[in-house]
Amino acid sequence: MATTSNTYTGNGSNKLFSITFPYLDESDIDVYLNGTLQTITTHYFFANATTIEFVTAPSNGAVVLLDRTTDDSALQATFFSGSTIRSSDLNDNFDQVLFIAQETTNDAAGATAASAAATATANAAASTAGTAATNASNALSTANTAATNASNAVSTANSANTTANNATTTANNAVT
């Protein structure tokens, strides 16, 4: 996979971060700080062709992402009938196509990895749900058994009460 981005961690004092991949225009570089897109001149500027400089140093632990997003809405150079074809224009167009292909490949690989992680999470959730359903079914069975036992205990208590009443009546008759 081609390198199309750089990730760094801020330390509270370093303002300079290197761009280690090729690009065509400064507008193709997106700068993120802790996931938030930064604005050129407001938050950062190009110190040179391979270095981004922040106006204020990113805080300790801040995530700095320099990401190439090549413009795919128009060719770098357009050729017209009768015009001179320069090798630099051809190279820029081919580089543009190459960079877009690299970025697409990296995006697809990232999406595939995210999809695999989501599938694993979904499978784990399904397993947990299955265990919960089994536990709920077992709890229902235990509750039903307890209800049956309680009903039997009530019947036994009612029979004992009837027997006790009969014994009381017999004892009273015997006293009389």
Protein backbone atom coordinates (compact mmCIF):
# COMPACT_ATOMS: atom_id res chain seq x y z
CA MET A 1 0.00 0.00 0.00
CA ALA A 2 1.30 3.43 -0.88
CA THR A 3 1.72 6.05 1.81
CA THR A 4 -0.96 8.70 1.40
CA SER A 5 -1.00 10.07 4.94
CA ASN A 6 1.16 10.66 8.01
CA THR A 7 0.00 10.45 11.61
CA TYR A 8 1.85 12.11 14.47
CA THR A 9 1.31 12.74 18.17
CA GLY A 10 1.72 16.29 19.47
CA ASN A 11 3.97 17.02 22.44
CA GLY A 12 2.87 20.57 23.25
CA SER A 13 5.95 22.24 21.78
CA ASN A 14 6.60 20.84 18.28
CA LYS A 15 4.92 22.86 15.53
CA LEU A 16 6.56 21.17 12.49
CA PHE A 17 5.28 17.94 10.91
CA SER A 18 6.74 16.26 7.81
CA ILE A 19 4.85 15.28 4.68
CA THR A 20 6.57 12.07 3.54
CA PHE A 21 4.49 11.38 0.44
CA PRO A 22 4.30 13.13 -2.94
CA TYR A 23 1.43 15.44 -3.86
CA LEU A 24 0.56 17.78 -6.71
CA ASP A 25 -0.93 20.87 -5.03
CA GLU A 26 -1.00 22.21 -1.49
CA SER A 27 -4.80 22.03 -1.71
CA ASP A 28 -4.47 18.23 -1.92
CA ILE A 29 -3.19 18.10 1.68
CA ASP A 30 -5.80 17.94 4.43
CA VAL A 31 -4.58 18.62 7.97
CA TYR A 32 -6.53 17.21 10.92
CA LEU A 33 -6.01 17.81 14.62
CA ASN A 34 -7.79 15.26 16.83
CA GLY A 35 -10.08 14.44 13.90
CA THR A 36 -11.04 18.05 13.15
CA LEU A 37 -10.11 19.48 9.73
CA GLN A 38 -7.85 22.50 10.18
CA THR A 39 -7.86 25.67 8.07
CA ILE A 40 -4.76 26.80 6.20
CA THR A 41 -3.36 30.16 7.43
CA THR A 42 -5.71 30.08 10.45
CA HIS A 43 -4.33 26.89 12.02
CA TYR A 44 -1.32 25.94 9.88
CA PHE A 45 0.75 26.84 6.84
CA PHE A 46 3.33 25.20 4.58
CA ALA A 47 6.78 25.93 6.02
CA ASN A 48 8.14 24.35 2.83
CA ALA A 49 7.03 21.72 0.29
CA THR A 50 7.50 18.85 2.79
CA THR A 51 6.63 20.46 6.13
CA ILE A 52 3.42 21.65 7.75
CA GLU A 53 3.82 24.21 10.52
CA PHE A 54 1.03 24.80 13.02
CA VAL A 55 0.39 28.34 14.23
CA THR A 56 0.10 26.92 17.77
CA ALA A 57 1.84 23.67 18.72
CA PRO A 58 -0.60 20.77 19.10
CA SER A 59 -1.08 19.82 22.74
CA ASN A 60 0.61 16.82 24.32
CA GLY A 61 -1.10 13.65 23.06
CA ALA A 62 -3.02 15.42 20.26
CA VAL A 63 -3.33 13.37 17.06
CA VAL A 64 -2.05 15.14 13.94
CA LEU A 65 -3.07 13.63 10.59
CA LEU A 66 -1.67 14.87 7.28
CA ASP A 67 -3.77 13.27 4.54
CA ARG A 68 -3.46 13.49 0.76
CA THR A 69 -6.79 13.85 -1.05
CA THR A 70 -6.00 14.41 -4.72
CA ASP A 71 -8.54 16.44 -6.67
CA ASP A 72 -10.46 14.09 -8.96
CA SER A 73 -12.84 16.64 -10.45
CA ALA A 74 -10.50 17.96 -13.16
CA LEU A 75 -7.26 16.96 -14.85
CA GLN A 76 -4.09 18.76 -13.85
CA ALA A 77 -3.46 19.68 -17.48
CA THR A 78 -5.81 19.85 -20.45
CA PHE A 79 -4.64 19.40 -24.02
CA PHE A 80 -6.16 21.12 -27.05
CA SER A 81 -5.82 20.49 -30.76
CA GLY A 82 -2.68 22.07 -32.09
CA SER A 83 -1.23 22.80 -28.63
CA THR A 84 2.15 21.66 -27.47
CA ILE A 85 2.16 18.59 -25.25
CA ARG A 86 4.70 19.03 -22.47
CA SER A 87 6.11 16.04 -20.62
CA SER A 88 5.54 17.79 -17.28
CA ASP A 89 1.82 18.10 -18.07
CA LEU A 90 1.61 14.44 -19.04
CA ASN A 91 3.49 13.45 -15.89
CA ASP A 92 1.19 15.58 -13.73
CA ASN A 93 -1.88 13.92 -15.26
CA PHE A 94 -0.42 10.44 -14.76
CA ASP A 95 0.63 11.30 -11.21
CA GLN A 96 -2.87 12.56 -10.52
CA VAL A 97 -4.38 9.26 -11.70
CA LEU A 98 -1.77 7.28 -9.74
CA PHE A 99 -2.39 9.26 -6.54
CA ILE A 100 -6.16 8.89 -6.85
CA ALA A 101 -5.73 5.13 -7.38
CA GLN A 102 -3.45 4.89 -4.32
CA GLU A 103 -5.89 6.84 -2.16
CA THR A 104 -8.80 4.70 -3.38
CA THR A 105 -6.85 1.51 -2.62
CA ASN A 106 -6.02 2.74 0.88
CA ASP A 107 -9.62 3.84 1.48
CA ALA A 108 -10.88 0.43 0.30
CA ALA A 109 -8.41 -1.38 2.56
CA GLY A 110 -9.51 0.77 5.49
CA ALA A 111 -13.16 0.12 4.72
CA THR A 112 -12.49 -3.62 4.48
CA ALA A 113 -10.73 -3.61 7.84
CA ALA A 114 -13.56 -1.58 9.39
CA SER A 115 -16.10 -3.98 7.89
CA ALA A 116 -14.24 -7.00 9.31
CA ALA A 117 -14.11 -5.35 12.74
CA ALA A 118 -17.82 -4.52 12.54
CA THR A 119 -18.60 -8.11 11.56
CA ALA A 120 -16.57 -9.42 14.50
CA THR A 121 -18.39 -7.04 16.85
CA ALA A 122 -21.77 -8.09 15.42
CA ASN A 123 -20.87 -11.77 15.81
CA ALA A 124 -19.82 -11.19 19.42
CA ALA A 125 -23.08 -9.31 20.06
CA ALA A 126 -25.08 -12.16 18.49
CA SER A 127 -23.25 -14.66 20.71
CA THR A 128 -23.96 -12.54 23.79
CA ALA A 129 -27.60 -12.24 22.75
CA GLY A 130 -27.78 -16.04 22.31
CA THR A 131 -26.33 -16.55 25.79
CA ALA A 132 -28.79 -14.02 27.21
CA ALA A 133 -31.69 -15.82 25.51
CA THR A 134 -30.54 -19.17 26.94
CA ASN A 135 -30.18 -17.62 30.41
CA ALA A 136 -33.64 -16.05 30.11
CA SER A 137 -35.13 -19.38 29.04
CA ASN A 138 -33.46 -21.13 31.99
CA ALA A 139 -34.70 -18.42 34.36
CA LEU A 140 -38.25 -18.82 33.02
CA SER A 141 -38.06 -22.58 33.52
CA THR A 142 -36.81 -22.09 37.08
CA ALA A 143 -39.58 -19.56 37.76
CA ASN A 144 -42.20 -21.96 36.39
CA THR A 145 -40.85 -24.76 38.60
CA ALA A 146 -40.91 -22.43 41.60
CA ALA A 147 -44.52 -21.45 40.80
CA THR A 148 -45.53 -25.13 40.58
CA ASN A 149 -43.75 -25.90 43.87
CA ALA A 150 -45.47 -22.92 45.52
CA SER A 151 -48.87 -24.06 44.22
CA ASN A 152 -48.21 -27.56 45.57
CA ALA A 153 -47.17 -26.07 48.91
CA VAL A 154 -50.41 -24.09 49.09
CA SER A 155 -52.40 -27.27 48.36
CA THR A 156 -50.49 -29.15 51.04
CA ALA A 157 -51.02 -26.32 53.52
CA ASN A 158 -54.76 -26.26 52.73
CA SER A 159 -54.98 -30.03 53.28
CA ALA A 160 -53.10 -29.71 56.55
CA ASN A 161 -55.46 -26.94 57.63
CA THR A 162 -58.49 -29.10 56.79
CA THR A 163 -56.99 -32.03 58.72
CA ALA A 164 -56.28 -29.76 61.70
CA ASN A 165 -59.86 -28.43 61.64
CA ASN A 166 -61.21 -31.97 61.53
CA ALA A 167 -58.94 -32.93 64.46
CA THR A 168 -60.16 -29.92 66.41
CA THR A 169 -63.78 -30.91 65.79
CA THR A 170 -63.07 -34.52 66.84
CA ALA A 171 -61.27 -33.29 69.98
CA ASN A 172 -64.16 -30.98 70.87
CA ASN A 173 -66.63 -33.82 70.38
CA ALA A 174 -64.50 -36.05 72.56
CA VAL A 175 -64.43 -33.43 75.31
CA THR A 176 -68.20 -33.09 75.13
